[in-house]
N, C-alpha and C. Protein backbone atom coordinates (compact mmCIF):
# COMPACT_ATOMS: atom_id res chain seq x y z
N MET A 1 82.99 126.04 112.47
CA MET A 1 83.49 125.20 113.38
C MET A 1 84.35 124.56 113.37
N SER A 2 85.60 124.74 114.40
CA SER A 2 86.98 123.77 114.61
C SER A 2 86.36 123.09 115.33
N ILE A 3 87.60 121.85 115.55
CA ILE A 3 88.11 121.00 116.23
C ILE A 3 89.53 120.74 117.85
N THR A 4 89.00 120.60 118.18
CA THR A 4 90.27 120.06 119.52
C THR A 4 90.56 119.00 119.38
N LEU A 5 91.93 118.52 119.63
CA LEU A 5 91.74 117.20 119.66
C LEU A 5 92.98 117.36 120.86
N LEU A 6 92.85 116.18 121.46
CA LEU A 6 94.41 115.93 123.15
C LEU A 6 94.88 114.80 122.62
N HIS A 7 96.24 114.72 122.59
CA HIS A 7 96.93 114.02 122.26
C HIS A 7 98.02 113.17 123.09
N LEU A 8 97.89 112.34 124.15
CA LEU A 8 98.48 112.14 125.74
C LEU A 8 100.42 111.24 125.03
N ILE A 9 101.03 111.72 124.96
CA ILE A 9 102.33 111.32 124.13
C ILE A 9 103.74 110.97 125.00
N PRO A 10 103.24 109.68 125.26
CA PRO A 10 104.44 109.55 125.76
C PRO A 10 105.66 109.47 126.42
N LYS A 11 106.75 109.42 126.91
CA LYS A 11 107.66 109.65 126.49
C LYS A 11 108.63 108.59 126.16
N ASP A 12 107.90 107.60 126.46
CA ASP A 12 108.71 106.17 126.07
C ASP A 12 108.17 105.27 124.59
N PRO A 13 108.22 105.42 123.49
CA PRO A 13 107.18 105.28 122.72
C PRO A 13 106.51 104.11 122.47
N HIS A 14 107.75 102.90 123.07
CA HIS A 14 107.33 101.85 123.60
C HIS A 14 106.04 101.06 124.71
N PHE A 15 105.75 102.61 125.23
CA PHE A 15 104.82 102.48 126.15
C PHE A 15 103.50 102.20 125.60
N SER A 16 102.31 102.01 126.04
CA SER A 16 100.70 101.45 125.88
C SER A 16 100.70 101.46 127.42
N PRO A 17 99.10 102.00 127.80
CA PRO A 17 99.03 101.82 128.94
C PRO A 17 97.89 100.82 128.90
N ALA A 18 97.63 99.46 130.16
CA ALA A 18 96.63 99.02 130.63
C ALA A 18 94.94 99.68 130.05
N SER A 19 94.30 98.82 129.66
CA SER A 19 92.78 98.59 128.74
C SER A 19 92.15 99.92 130.14
N ALA A 20 92.42 99.25 131.35
CA ALA A 20 91.64 100.65 133.00
C ALA A 20 91.82 101.86 133.12
N ALA A 21 93.83 101.51 133.12
CA ALA A 21 94.71 103.20 132.56
C ALA A 21 94.00 104.22 132.02
N SER A 22 93.26 103.35 130.15
CA SER A 22 93.39 104.07 129.33
C SER A 22 91.28 104.35 129.53
N GLU A 23 90.99 103.80 130.00
CA GLU A 23 89.90 103.61 129.86
C GLU A 23 89.57 104.90 131.43
N ALA A 24 89.75 104.61 132.39
CA ALA A 24 89.89 105.47 133.83
C ALA A 24 90.26 106.76 132.61
N ALA A 25 91.04 107.26 131.99
CA ALA A 25 91.70 108.97 131.73
C ALA A 25 90.43 108.61 130.70
N GLN A 26 89.93 108.47 130.24
CA GLN A 26 88.99 108.68 129.53
C GLN A 26 87.91 109.21 130.46
N ALA A 27 87.09 108.48 131.42
CA ALA A 27 86.42 108.94 132.73
C ALA A 27 86.20 109.87 133.01
N GLN A 28 87.49 110.70 133.54
CA GLN A 28 88.55 111.16 134.19
C GLN A 28 88.29 112.93 133.03
N LEU A 29 88.65 112.81 131.36
CA LEU A 29 88.73 113.44 130.78
C LEU A 29 87.03 114.08 130.86
N GLN A 30 85.95 112.78 130.82
CA GLN A 30 84.13 113.58 130.07
C GLN A 30 83.96 114.12 131.31
N GLN A 31 84.65 113.67 132.73
CA GLN A 31 84.32 114.82 133.59
C GLN A 31 84.33 115.84 133.56
N LEU A 32 85.98 116.12 133.47
CA LEU A 32 86.59 117.95 132.98
C LEU A 32 85.21 118.63 132.26
N VAL A 33 85.44 117.70 130.83
CA VAL A 33 84.72 118.03 129.67
C VAL A 33 83.44 117.42 129.26
N PRO A 34 82.43 117.73 130.38
CA PRO A 34 81.43 116.90 129.85
C PRO A 34 80.11 117.33 129.14
N GLU A 35 80.74 118.60 127.84
CA GLU A 35 80.07 119.84 127.02
C GLU A 35 80.88 118.55 125.85
N ALA A 36 81.45 118.30 125.68
CA ALA A 36 82.29 117.65 124.26
C ALA A 36 81.24 117.74 123.13
N LEU A 37 81.32 118.96 122.63
CA LEU A 37 80.23 118.04 121.15
C LEU A 37 80.54 116.59 120.27
N GLY A 38 81.08 116.38 120.34
CA GLY A 38 82.00 114.87 119.47
C GLY A 38 82.00 114.01 119.92
N GLY A 39 82.00 114.00 121.37
CA GLY A 39 82.60 112.96 122.49
C GLY A 39 84.14 112.93 122.55
N TYR A 40 83.89 111.07 122.85
CA TYR A 40 85.40 110.88 122.94
C TYR A 40 85.79 109.94 122.12
N ASP A 41 86.79 110.03 121.71
CA ASP A 41 87.53 109.17 121.02
C ASP A 41 89.04 108.76 121.19
N VAL A 42 89.29 107.46 121.48
CA VAL A 42 90.70 107.15 122.34
C VAL A 42 91.46 106.10 121.39
N TRP A 43 92.14 106.25 120.64
CA TRP A 43 93.32 105.53 120.03
C TRP A 43 94.92 105.33 120.51
N ASP A 44 94.96 104.01 120.30
CA ASP A 44 96.00 103.22 120.95
C ASP A 44 96.36 102.87 120.16
N ILE A 45 97.81 103.68 119.31
CA ILE A 45 98.45 103.20 118.19
C ILE A 45 99.59 102.26 118.46
N PRO A 46 100.08 101.46 117.79
CA PRO A 46 101.80 100.65 118.56
C PRO A 46 102.84 101.33 117.70
N GLY A 47 103.24 101.24 118.21
CA GLY A 47 104.79 102.04 117.92
C GLY A 47 105.02 103.54 117.60
N ALA A 48 106.02 104.03 117.24
CA ALA A 48 105.92 105.33 116.50
C ALA A 48 105.35 105.17 115.66
N ALA A 49 104.85 106.59 115.81
CA ALA A 49 104.09 107.59 114.26
C ALA A 49 104.21 109.10 114.37
N PHE A 50 104.02 109.49 113.67
CA PHE A 50 103.90 110.65 112.98
C PHE A 50 101.85 111.79 113.27
N ILE A 51 102.23 112.06 114.34
CA ILE A 51 100.96 113.25 114.52
C ILE A 51 100.07 114.47 113.16
N ASP A 52 99.52 114.44 112.92
CA ASP A 52 100.08 115.64 112.12
C ASP A 52 99.07 116.85 113.13
N PRO A 53 99.88 118.09 114.07
CA PRO A 53 99.24 119.10 114.50
C PRO A 53 98.48 120.52 113.35
N GLY A 54 97.81 119.85 112.24
CA GLY A 54 97.46 120.90 111.71
C GLY A 54 97.39 121.70 111.50
N GLU A 55 96.50 123.29 112.28
CA GLU A 55 98.06 124.34 111.52
C GLU A 55 98.56 124.73 113.35
N ASN A 56 98.72 123.57 114.19
CA ASN A 56 99.39 124.35 115.60
C ASN A 56 100.45 123.98 115.03
N TRP A 57 101.86 123.89 113.43
CA TRP A 57 102.94 123.61 113.69
C TRP A 57 104.08 123.96 114.06
N CYS A 58 104.70 124.36 114.27
CA CYS A 58 105.91 125.55 114.59
C CYS A 58 107.11 124.19 114.03
N GLY A 59 106.93 123.44 113.79
CA GLY A 59 108.27 123.55 113.09
C GLY A 59 109.54 122.21 113.86
N VAL A 60 110.02 121.76 113.78
CA VAL A 60 111.24 120.61 114.51
C VAL A 60 112.37 120.12 114.63
N ARG A 61 112.65 119.96 115.26
CA ARG A 61 114.24 120.56 115.92
C ARG A 61 114.58 119.01 116.72
N CYS A 62 116.07 118.94 116.01
CA CYS A 62 116.40 117.91 117.08
C CYS A 62 116.64 117.42 118.22
N PRO A 63 115.86 116.91 118.90
CA PRO A 63 115.61 116.98 120.51
C PRO A 63 117.86 116.60 121.61
N VAL A 64 118.37 116.22 120.31
CA VAL A 64 120.20 116.50 120.78
C VAL A 64 120.45 117.59 120.82
N CYS A 65 120.16 118.36 119.72
CA CYS A 65 121.64 118.98 119.03
C CYS A 65 120.42 120.12 118.52
N GLY A 66 119.34 120.65 118.87
CA GLY A 66 119.29 121.49 118.34
C GLY A 66 118.17 122.19 116.95
N SER A 67 119.40 121.22 115.94
CA SER A 67 119.51 122.15 114.57
C SER A 67 118.05 121.40 113.92
N ASP A 68 118.02 122.51 113.05
CA ASP A 68 116.56 122.36 112.50
C ASP A 68 116.37 120.96 111.41
N ILE A 69 115.43 119.75 111.28
CA ILE A 69 115.89 118.87 110.56
C ILE A 69 113.96 118.86 109.65
N GLU A 70 113.65 120.26 109.14
CA GLU A 70 112.03 120.30 108.33
C GLU A 70 112.19 119.66 107.82
N ASP A 71 113.30 120.11 107.03
CA ASP A 71 113.59 119.16 105.35
C ASP A 71 113.22 117.37 105.32
N TRP A 72 113.96 117.16 106.71
CA TRP A 72 114.46 115.87 107.02
C TRP A 72 112.93 115.15 107.31
N TRP A 73 112.18 115.70 108.22
CA TRP A 73 110.89 115.47 108.32
C TRP A 73 109.93 115.36 107.56
N GLY A 74 110.37 116.99 106.93
CA GLY A 74 108.75 116.51 105.08
C GLY A 74 109.13 115.63 104.77
N ASN A 75 109.84 114.99 104.30
CA ASN A 75 110.22 113.59 103.50
C ASN A 75 109.97 112.32 104.79
N ALA A 76 110.35 112.12 105.61
CA ALA A 76 109.61 111.44 107.04
C ALA A 76 108.33 111.28 106.68
N MET A 77 107.50 112.37 106.46
CA MET A 77 106.18 112.56 106.87
C MET A 77 105.09 111.98 105.59
N ASP A 78 106.34 112.18 104.14
CA ASP A 78 106.06 111.26 103.01
C ASP A 78 105.75 110.03 103.08
N THR A 79 106.92 109.55 103.16
CA THR A 79 106.70 107.74 104.12
C THR A 79 105.96 106.89 104.43
N ARG A 80 105.23 107.92 105.49
CA ARG A 80 105.20 106.66 106.95
C ARG A 80 103.45 107.02 107.10
N GLN A 81 102.34 106.48 107.49
CA GLN A 81 101.09 106.89 107.88
C GLN A 81 100.56 107.74 108.53
N LEU A 82 99.81 108.74 108.46
CA LEU A 82 99.55 110.37 109.91
C LEU A 82 98.06 109.38 110.20
N PHE A 83 98.21 109.90 111.47
CA PHE A 83 97.17 109.63 112.58
C PHE A 83 96.96 110.83 112.92
């Protein structure tokens, strides 16, 4: 059995929604997908974090110049906590 995770990541790495907004979004998701077998969990991760995409990895490129920075990314992931 597989698991599906939905990560909502704001463009601003310092943004964190108010509790009421987070709860409203979770309620809306439960209405859209009521049959989710595992239920729903909401995490508010403070600051910047690396989020492991599992099998959906398709590489990493610099958002400014488009260069392949996968070597740097791998080293950075080894030194930070994953979520």
